[in-house]
Amino acid sequence: MRIIGSIAHPKITISIFSMNDKYQVKFEAGPMEQIFKLSHTEVNGIEGIQKLVDEEFMQKIMDRFNEMYLSFKGAKERYIA
């Protein structure tokens, strides 16, 4: 797997990888990450991925990170308590 690009974002890291005829788009926020896999035939390279990652998609990514954070925080609080 090799990194072929990134998408700038003020709050999270977005990396684009290529491996075995698939792209992997990884979103990272602190200790959490989300990865989406796409066939090379589904999008037109990095430009196609950048178009796919639009404002609506990013809002859902951020909402999911918030849900992940709250879930993990709750689990840690139950474990420590």
Protein backbone atom coordinates (compact mmCIF):
# COMPACT_ATOMS: atom_id res chain seq x y z
CA MET A 1 0.00 0.00 0.00
CA ARG A 2 1.34 3.39 -0.89
CA ILE A 3 0.08 6.87 -0.18
CA ILE A 4 -0.77 8.73 -3.39
CA GLY A 5 -2.33 11.90 -2.04
CA SER A 6 -4.19 13.77 0.63
CA ILE A 7 -7.11 16.14 0.98
CA ALA A 8 -6.67 19.25 3.10
CA HIS A 9 -9.07 19.66 6.02
CA PRO A 10 -8.77 21.93 9.09
CA LYS A 11 -9.78 19.32 11.69
CA ILE A 12 -8.89 15.85 10.40
CA THR A 13 -6.25 14.12 8.29
CA ILE A 14 -7.45 12.65 5.00
CA SER A 15 -5.05 10.30 3.20
CA ILE A 16 -5.49 8.48 -0.09
CA PHE A 17 -3.77 5.13 -0.61
CA SER A 18 -3.56 2.76 -3.57
CA MET A 19 -3.24 -1.01 -3.27
CA ASN A 20 -4.33 -3.98 -5.41
CA ASP A 21 -6.55 -2.02 -7.82
CA LYS A 22 -8.31 -0.28 -4.93
CA TYR A 23 -8.12 3.16 -3.40
CA GLN A 24 -8.40 3.51 0.35
CA VAL A 25 -9.49 6.88 1.69
CA LYS A 26 -8.57 7.18 5.37
CA PHE A 27 -10.03 9.85 7.66
CA GLU A 28 -8.22 10.29 11.01
CA ALA A 29 -9.28 12.28 14.07
CA GLY A 30 -7.25 11.68 17.20
CA PRO A 31 -7.33 7.96 18.09
CA MET A 32 -10.19 7.24 15.65
CA GLU A 33 -10.19 6.47 11.95
CA GLN A 34 -12.62 5.65 9.18
CA ILE A 35 -11.56 3.94 5.95
CA PHE A 36 -13.49 3.68 2.72
CA LYS A 37 -12.40 1.43 -0.15
CA LEU A 38 -13.11 2.08 -3.81
CA SER A 39 -12.19 0.21 -6.96
CA HIS A 40 -9.92 2.10 -9.33
CA THR A 41 -12.73 1.81 -11.88
CA GLU A 42 -15.27 3.59 -9.61
CA VAL A 43 -13.56 6.99 -9.61
CA ASN A 44 -11.22 8.94 -11.85
CA GLY A 45 -8.08 8.98 -9.70
CA ILE A 46 -7.36 11.49 -6.96
CA GLU A 47 -9.52 14.12 -8.68
CA GLY A 48 -12.52 11.79 -8.59
CA ILE A 49 -11.96 11.02 -4.91
CA GLN A 50 -11.74 14.73 -4.12
CA LYS A 51 -15.11 15.27 -5.83
CA LEU A 52 -16.61 12.33 -3.91
CA VAL A 53 -15.52 13.85 -0.58
CA ASP A 54 -17.97 16.73 -0.79
CA GLU A 55 -19.46 18.87 2.00
CA GLU A 56 -22.37 16.50 2.69
CA PHE A 57 -20.09 13.45 2.88
CA MET A 58 -17.69 15.31 5.19
CA GLN A 59 -20.53 16.30 7.51
CA LYS A 60 -21.48 12.63 7.87
CA ILE A 61 -17.83 11.74 8.53
CA MET A 62 -17.65 14.39 11.27
CA ASP A 63 -20.97 13.22 12.78
CA ARG A 64 -19.67 9.64 12.84
CA PHE A 65 -16.44 10.76 14.53
CA ASN A 66 -18.52 12.50 17.19
CA GLU A 67 -20.57 9.33 17.75
CA MET A 68 -17.37 7.27 17.96
CA TYR A 69 -15.87 9.70 20.48
CA LEU A 70 -18.96 9.65 22.71
CA SER A 71 -19.18 5.86 22.56
CA PHE A 72 -15.51 5.41 23.45
CA LYS A 73 -15.69 8.04 26.20
CA GLY A 74 -18.71 6.25 27.73
CA ALA A 75 -16.94 2.90 27.62
CA LYS A 76 -13.86 4.34 29.32
CA GLU A 77 -16.00 5.99 32.00
CA ARG A 78 -17.76 2.68 32.75
CA TYR A 79 -14.45 0.84 32.87
CA ILE A 80 -12.74 3.35 35.15
CA ALA A 81 -15.73 3.87 37.44
